[in-house]
Protein backbone atom coordinates (compact mmCIF):
# COMPACT_ATOMS: atom_id res chain seq x y z
CA SER A 1 -7.64 27.29 -20.94
CA SER A 2 -3.93 26.66 -20.69
CA LEU A 3 -4.28 24.35 -17.92
CA ASN A 4 -6.39 21.94 -20.05
CA LEU A 5 -3.84 22.16 -23.12
CA ASP A 6 -1.32 21.37 -20.30
CA ASN A 7 -2.86 18.29 -19.26
CA ILE A 8 -3.37 17.09 -23.10
CA LEU A 9 0.40 17.21 -23.42
CA LYS A 10 0.93 15.25 -20.19
CA LYS A 11 0.80 11.51 -20.16
CA PRO A 12 -2.11 10.18 -18.09
CA ILE A 13 -2.24 7.98 -15.32
CA ALA A 14 -5.65 6.80 -13.64
CA PHE A 15 -5.96 5.84 -10.01
CA ILE A 16 -8.99 3.62 -8.68
CA LEU A 17 -9.64 4.01 -4.95
CA GLY A 18 -11.89 2.20 -3.07
CA PRO A 19 -12.99 0.38 0.22
CA THR A 20 -12.09 -3.46 0.50
CA ALA A 21 -14.34 -5.64 -1.21
CA SER A 22 -15.90 -2.78 -3.33
CA GLY A 23 -15.11 -4.73 -6.67
CA LYS A 24 -12.14 -2.44 -7.67
CA THR A 25 -10.20 -5.25 -9.23
CA ASP A 26 -12.90 -6.28 -11.37
CA LEU A 27 -13.79 -3.06 -12.62
CA ALA A 28 -9.69 -2.54 -13.39
CA ILE A 29 -9.94 -5.74 -15.26
CA GLU A 30 -12.88 -4.95 -17.46
CA ILE A 31 -11.11 -1.60 -18.27
CA CYS A 32 -7.98 -3.50 -19.68
CA ASP A 33 -10.47 -5.34 -21.95
CA SER A 34 -11.37 -2.01 -23.75
CA VAL A 35 -8.37 -0.09 -23.05
CA PRO A 36 -4.37 -0.46 -23.55
CA ALA A 37 -3.64 -0.45 -19.85
CA GLU A 38 -1.58 -2.22 -17.25
CA ILE A 39 -2.73 -2.57 -13.59
CA VAL A 40 -0.46 -1.67 -10.74
CA SER A 41 -1.69 -3.16 -7.49
CA VAL A 42 -1.87 -0.59 -4.71
CA ASP A 43 -2.15 -3.17 -1.77
CA SER A 44 0.22 -3.48 0.77
CA VAL A 45 -0.53 -7.22 1.48
CA MET A 46 -0.77 -8.40 -2.35
CA VAL A 47 2.82 -7.44 -2.77
CA TYR A 48 4.04 -10.44 -0.88
CA GLU A 49 4.36 -14.03 -1.94
CA ASP A 50 2.00 -16.75 -0.58
CA CYS A 51 -0.23 -14.31 0.87
CA ASN A 52 -2.91 -15.03 -1.65
CA ILE A 53 -6.29 -15.77 0.19
CA GLY A 54 -6.02 -13.55 2.87
CA SER A 55 -5.49 -10.41 0.85
CA ALA A 56 -8.21 -11.45 -1.72
CA LYS A 57 -5.58 -11.45 -4.31
CA PRO A 58 -7.07 -12.32 -7.73
CA SER A 59 -6.55 -15.90 -9.04
CA LYS A 60 -3.31 -17.30 -10.78
CA ASN A 61 -5.23 -17.57 -14.02
CA ILE A 62 -6.35 -13.74 -13.82
CA LEU A 63 -2.90 -12.89 -13.10
CA GLU A 64 -1.66 -14.51 -16.13
CA LYS A 65 -4.33 -13.08 -18.54
CA TYR A 66 -4.14 -9.61 -16.75
CA PRO A 67 -0.61 -9.12 -15.18
CA HIS A 68 -0.77 -6.98 -12.07
CA HIS A 69 2.41 -5.13 -11.10
CA LEU A 70 3.37 -5.09 -7.40
CA VAL A 71 1.56 -8.50 -6.83
CA ASP A 72 3.94 -11.20 -5.55
CA CYS A 73 7.13 -9.16 -5.78
CA ILE A 74 8.77 -9.96 -2.22
CA LYS A 75 9.02 -12.71 0.02
CA PRO A 76 7.14 -12.10 3.52
CA SER A 77 10.57 -12.78 5.00
CA SER A 78 11.37 -9.09 4.03
CA ILE A 79 9.39 -5.81 4.27
CA PHE A 80 8.20 -4.09 1.66
CA SER A 81 7.99 -0.19 2.71
CA VAL A 82 6.06 2.75 1.34
CA SER A 83 9.44 3.82 -0.08
CA ASP A 84 9.69 0.84 -1.92
CA PHE A 85 6.06 1.33 -3.12
CA TYR A 86 7.00 4.84 -4.26
CA LYS A 87 10.09 4.19 -6.13
CA SER A 88 8.92 1.02 -7.95
CA SER A 89 5.85 2.94 -9.12
CA LEU A 90 7.52 5.54 -10.63
CA GLN A 91 9.86 3.46 -12.42
CA LEU A 92 6.64 1.45 -13.39
CA ILE A 93 4.91 4.43 -14.79
CA ASP A 94 7.86 5.06 -17.28
CA GLU A 95 7.97 1.62 -18.51
CA ILE A 96 4.06 1.36 -18.94
CA HIS A 97 4.12 4.74 -20.83
CA SER A 98 6.91 3.51 -22.95
CA ARG A 99 4.74 0.72 -24.32
CA ASP A 100 2.02 3.30 -25.00
CA ASN A 101 -0.21 1.75 -22.19
CA LEU A 102 -2.08 3.42 -19.54
CA PRO A 103 -0.85 2.93 -16.05
CA ILE A 104 -4.18 2.19 -13.65
CA PHE A 105 -3.29 2.24 -9.84
CA VAL A 106 -5.85 -0.16 -8.23
CA GLY A 107 -6.31 -0.73 -4.54
CA GLY A 108 -7.03 0.29 -1.24
CA THR A 109 -3.84 1.09 0.65
CA MET A 110 -4.67 4.52 0.89
CA MET A 111 -1.17 5.70 2.37
CA TYR A 112 0.42 4.34 -0.92
CA PHE A 113 -1.89 6.45 -3.01
CA ARG A 114 -1.09 9.52 -0.60
CA THR A 115 2.62 9.03 -0.89
CA LEU A 116 2.14 8.94 -4.71
CA ILE A 117 0.50 12.37 -4.55
CA ASN A 118 2.31 14.07 -1.84
CA GLY A 119 5.96 12.43 -2.34
CA LEU A 120 8.25 10.79 -0.12
CA ASP A 121 8.87 13.70 2.31
CA SER A 122 6.16 12.57 4.77
CA LEU A 123 8.50 10.60 7.33
CA PRO A 124 7.19 7.50 8.63
CA ALA A 125 5.49 7.04 12.07
CA ARG A 126 7.52 5.98 14.95
CA ASN A 127 8.17 2.14 15.50
CA ASP A 128 8.31 1.25 19.15
CA ASP A 129 9.61 -2.21 18.52
CA TYR A 130 12.65 -0.90 16.81
CA ARG A 131 13.17 1.96 19.52
CA LEU A 132 13.23 -0.66 22.31
CA GLU A 133 15.75 -2.64 20.41
CA LEU A 134 17.76 0.42 19.86
CA GLU A 135 17.64 1.00 23.57
CA GLU A 136 18.63 -2.56 24.11
CA VAL A 137 21.63 -2.14 21.91
CA LYS A 138 22.57 1.12 23.69
CA LYS A 139 22.46 -0.66 27.23
CA GLN A 140 24.91 -3.17 25.79
CA ASN A 141 27.34 -1.23 24.13
CA SER A 142 29.19 2.38 24.50
CA ASP A 143 27.16 5.57 24.93
CA GLU A 144 28.20 6.72 21.58
CA TYR A 145 27.36 3.43 19.91
CA LEU A 146 24.20 4.55 18.17
CA TYR A 147 25.82 7.74 16.99
CA GLU A 148 28.49 5.44 15.24
CA MET A 149 25.78 3.66 13.70
CA LEU A 150 24.38 6.74 12.54
CA VAL A 151 27.54 7.93 11.06
CA SER A 152 27.82 4.63 9.06
CA ILE A 153 24.67 5.21 7.27
CA ASP A 154 24.13 8.92 7.28
CA SER A 155 27.42 10.95 8.14
CA ASP A 156 26.13 14.15 6.94
CA TYR A 157 23.27 14.01 9.22
CA ALA A 158 25.35 12.90 12.28
CA ALA A 159 27.65 15.82 11.64
CA THR A 160 24.57 18.13 12.49
CA LEU A 161 23.79 16.42 15.68
CA ASN A 162 25.26 16.61 19.29
CA LYS A 163 26.46 13.05 20.15
CA SER A 164 24.31 12.71 23.20
CA ASP A 165 21.01 13.88 21.42
CA TYR A 166 19.57 10.39 21.42
CA LYS A 167 16.20 11.57 20.66
CA ARG A 168 17.51 12.64 17.10
CA ILE A 169 19.91 9.94 16.49
CA ILE A 170 17.03 7.25 17.36
CA ARG A 171 14.70 8.95 15.00
CA ALA A 172 17.33 9.00 12.10
CA LEU A 173 18.03 5.09 12.80
CA GLU A 174 14.53 4.56 12.88
CA VAL A 175 13.60 6.55 9.78
CA TYR A 176 16.29 4.41 7.95
CA LYS A 177 15.10 1.33 9.23
CA LEU A 178 11.48 2.00 8.07
CA THR A 179 12.27 3.40 4.62
CA GLY A 180 15.69 2.20 3.78
CA GLU A 181 16.31 6.35 3.06
CA SER A 182 19.08 8.41 5.03
CA MET A 183 17.40 11.44 6.94
CA THR A 184 19.58 13.59 4.47
CA SER A 185 18.12 12.22 1.52
CA LEU A 186 14.59 12.39 2.75
CA LEU A 187 14.72 15.98 4.11
CA GLY A 188 16.30 17.14 0.94
CA ARG A 189 13.71 15.78 -1.10
CA VAL A 190 11.06 18.35 -2.25
CA ASP A 191 8.96 16.19 -4.71
CA LYS A 192 5.59 17.25 -3.32
CA ASN A 193 2.85 17.28 -6.14
CA PHE A 194 5.70 15.75 -8.56
CA LEU A 195 3.17 13.36 -9.97
CA LEU A 196 0.34 15.98 -10.40
CA GLU A 197 2.89 18.47 -12.14
CA LYS A 198 4.35 15.65 -14.69
CA TYR A 199 1.34 13.42 -15.36
CA ASN A 200 -2.25 13.98 -16.12
CA VAL A 201 -3.77 12.17 -13.30
CA LYS A 202 -7.16 11.15 -13.03
CA GLN A 203 -8.36 10.11 -9.76
CA LEU A 204 -11.36 7.95 -9.42
CA GLY A 205 -13.42 6.56 -6.53
CA ILE A 206 -15.70 3.66 -6.14
CA LEU A 207 -18.14 3.49 -3.24
CA ASP A 208 -21.83 2.48 -2.13
CA GLU A 209 -23.51 5.18 -0.51
CA ASP A 210 -25.47 2.57 1.30
CA ARG A 211 -22.98 1.01 3.90
CA SER A 212 -25.21 -2.07 4.55
CA ILE A 213 -24.47 -3.39 0.94
CA LEU A 214 -20.83 -3.20 1.73
CA HIS A 215 -21.05 -4.87 5.02
CA LYS A 216 -22.86 -7.79 3.21
CA ARG A 217 -20.22 -8.04 0.44
CA ILE A 218 -17.45 -8.13 3.06
CA GLU A 219 -19.13 -10.96 4.95
CA LYS A 220 -19.82 -12.83 2.07
CA ARG A 221 -15.95 -12.64 1.16
CA LEU A 222 -14.91 -13.53 4.62
CA ASP A 223 -16.84 -16.38 4.24
CA THR A 224 -15.31 -17.39 0.90
CA ILE A 225 -11.77 -16.37 2.28
CA ILE A 226 -12.09 -18.46 5.31
CA ASN A 227 -13.74 -21.55 3.16
CA ASP A 228 -10.74 -21.10 0.57
CA GLY A 229 -8.12 -22.31 3.30
CA LEU A 230 -7.10 -18.85 5.04
CA LEU A 231 -5.84 -20.93 8.02
CA GLU A 232 -3.99 -23.20 6.05
CA GLU A 233 -2.22 -20.42 4.08
CA VAL A 234 -1.25 -18.83 7.36
CA LYS A 235 0.16 -22.01 8.82
CA ASN A 236 2.18 -22.34 5.94
CA LEU A 237 3.63 -18.94 5.80
CA LEU A 238 4.58 -19.40 9.51
CA ASP A 239 6.32 -22.59 8.88
CA LYS A 240 7.90 -21.39 5.60
CA TYR A 241 9.08 -17.92 6.44
CA THR A 242 10.40 -15.96 9.48
CA ILE A 243 8.26 -13.33 9.61
CA ALA A 244 9.53 -10.53 11.92
CA ASP A 245 7.31 -9.28 15.01
CA ASN A 246 6.94 -5.89 13.55
CA HIS A 247 5.93 -7.11 10.01
CA PRO A 248 3.06 -5.47 8.50
CA ILE A 249 1.52 -9.05 7.68
CA ARG A 250 0.98 -9.63 11.33
CA LYS A 251 -1.17 -6.58 11.80
CA SER A 252 -3.06 -6.84 8.61
CA VAL A 253 -6.67 -7.74 8.40
CA ASN A 254 -7.28 -11.52 8.30
CA TYR A 255 -3.58 -12.58 9.04
CA LYS A 256 -3.62 -11.03 12.28
CA GLN A 257 -7.03 -12.69 13.33
CA ALA A 258 -5.84 -16.04 12.09
CA ILE A 259 -2.48 -15.94 13.72
CA SER A 260 -4.32 -15.25 16.88
CA PHE A 261 -6.63 -18.25 16.47
CA ILE A 262 -3.48 -20.59 15.55
CA LYS A 263 -1.92 -19.58 18.66
CA LYS A 264 -5.21 -20.43 20.56
CA GLU A 265 -5.66 -16.95 21.79
CA ILE A 266 -9.18 -16.81 20.47
CA ASP A 267 -11.62 -19.44 19.52
CA GLU A 268 -13.29 -20.04 16.13
CA ASP A 269 -16.33 -17.76 16.44
CA GLU A 270 -14.00 -14.88 17.98
CA PHE A 271 -11.85 -15.58 14.75
CA PHE A 272 -14.74 -14.93 12.23
CA ASN A 273 -16.14 -11.95 14.21
CA THR A 274 -12.83 -10.09 14.76
CA ALA A 275 -11.90 -10.51 11.47
CA LEU A 276 -15.43 -9.05 10.20
CA PHE A 277 -15.19 -6.20 12.75
CA ALA A 278 -11.41 -5.47 11.34
CA THR A 279 -12.62 -5.66 8.00
CA ARG A 280 -15.56 -3.19 8.59
CA GLN A 281 -13.19 -1.02 10.52
CA LEU A 282 -10.70 -0.88 7.48
CA ALA A 283 -13.54 -0.14 5.05
CA LYS A 284 -14.93 2.78 7.45
CA ARG A 285 -11.13 3.89 7.40
CA GLN A 286 -10.96 3.81 3.67
CA ILE A 287 -14.02 5.57 3.29
CA THR A 288 -12.96 8.30 5.64
CA TRP A 289 -9.77 8.85 3.39
CA MET A 290 -11.79 9.07 0.36
CA ARG A 291 -14.37 11.86 1.62
CA SER A 292 -11.41 14.08 2.53
CA TRP A 293 -9.43 13.26 -0.48
CA GLU A 294 -8.95 16.08 -2.93
CA ASN A 295 -9.63 15.95 -6.73
CA LEU A 296 -11.34 12.43 -6.33
CA GLU A 297 -14.33 11.95 -8.22
CA ILE A 298 -16.39 9.34 -6.67
CA PHE A 299 -18.91 6.91 -8.49
CA GLU A 300 -21.69 4.91 -6.92
CA ASN A 301 -20.91 1.28 -7.26
CA LYS A 302 -23.81 0.78 -9.62
CA SER A 303 -22.54 3.41 -12.00
CA ALA A 304 -18.85 2.19 -11.95
CA HIS A 305 -19.29 1.85 -15.83
CA LYS A 306 -18.76 5.73 -15.93
CA ILE A 307 -15.33 5.18 -14.62
CA LYS A 308 -14.87 3.19 -17.97
CA GLU A 309 -15.77 5.81 -20.07
CA THR A 310 -13.58 8.50 -18.19
CA VAL A 311 -10.76 6.27 -18.50
CA LYS A 312 -11.32 5.55 -22.04
CA ARG A 313 -11.25 9.32 -22.93
CA LEU A 314 -7.88 9.56 -20.81
CA VAL A 315 -6.40 7.27 -23.28
CA THR A 316 -6.72 9.64 -26.31
CA SER A 317 -3.94 11.35 -24.70
CA LEU A 318 -1.37 8.47 -25.00
């Protein structure tokens, strides 16, 4: 059919999605041994320097041998947004293709994957911390202060609003704060399914049908993470960087619990148990995302070698 011919002419991209601790990284590395490919990490914590243990980042020597894009690309004193991920990814796809390699996107941050497929027009969720901050700013300044703030970043959108329409003004400031994008550019952007139209995107998932196997792996990995020095790492992070209260690291699995333990809000047992519970919850959410994902071919963990075969076939169209 013409559709297949179409796909042969398009450059290929592979996605490998899976819940935490499902062995995605090892699989991607194995694929790189047999296919001209480059790995792009789809992980909202591995992007940060010095967040190594808690994010289960591949070791330094693995990263030297198999470079991962979007790992260690920003300091924890800054925030890496979904918008940053999206823009960096589009640029990386071009660069990797120009080297005649296959971009393999591997990870478990489903929101990142979804943005690649749906484009950036999904506006970010509200951020209550920042809203409170803006309320304060408004109290301490003139009534039109927030409007003036908006004019300075997005005069086109501001011109469409009434100066006392605080609800929309605050939303526009919030969107800018969270994405680094103006409301005008986000609303004007229609790149839904851009990726699927431009490239031959193969979306593959790795999953254990037996949840208890995954739970055992999660528990074993948490033991390793704690023994490898998670608490030292987090203490070092808090000493070395100013990490904002609304920073994603503070909410992410392992880091959130370690910070609570360091602040003496929980004891050692609670630290382990809350981290274990949070990781299981994360895996459960990831699996729910995967179950409802369109065009995702899901493979049992034990037949993950079939993913390798599928990816090999993709490379013939490079």
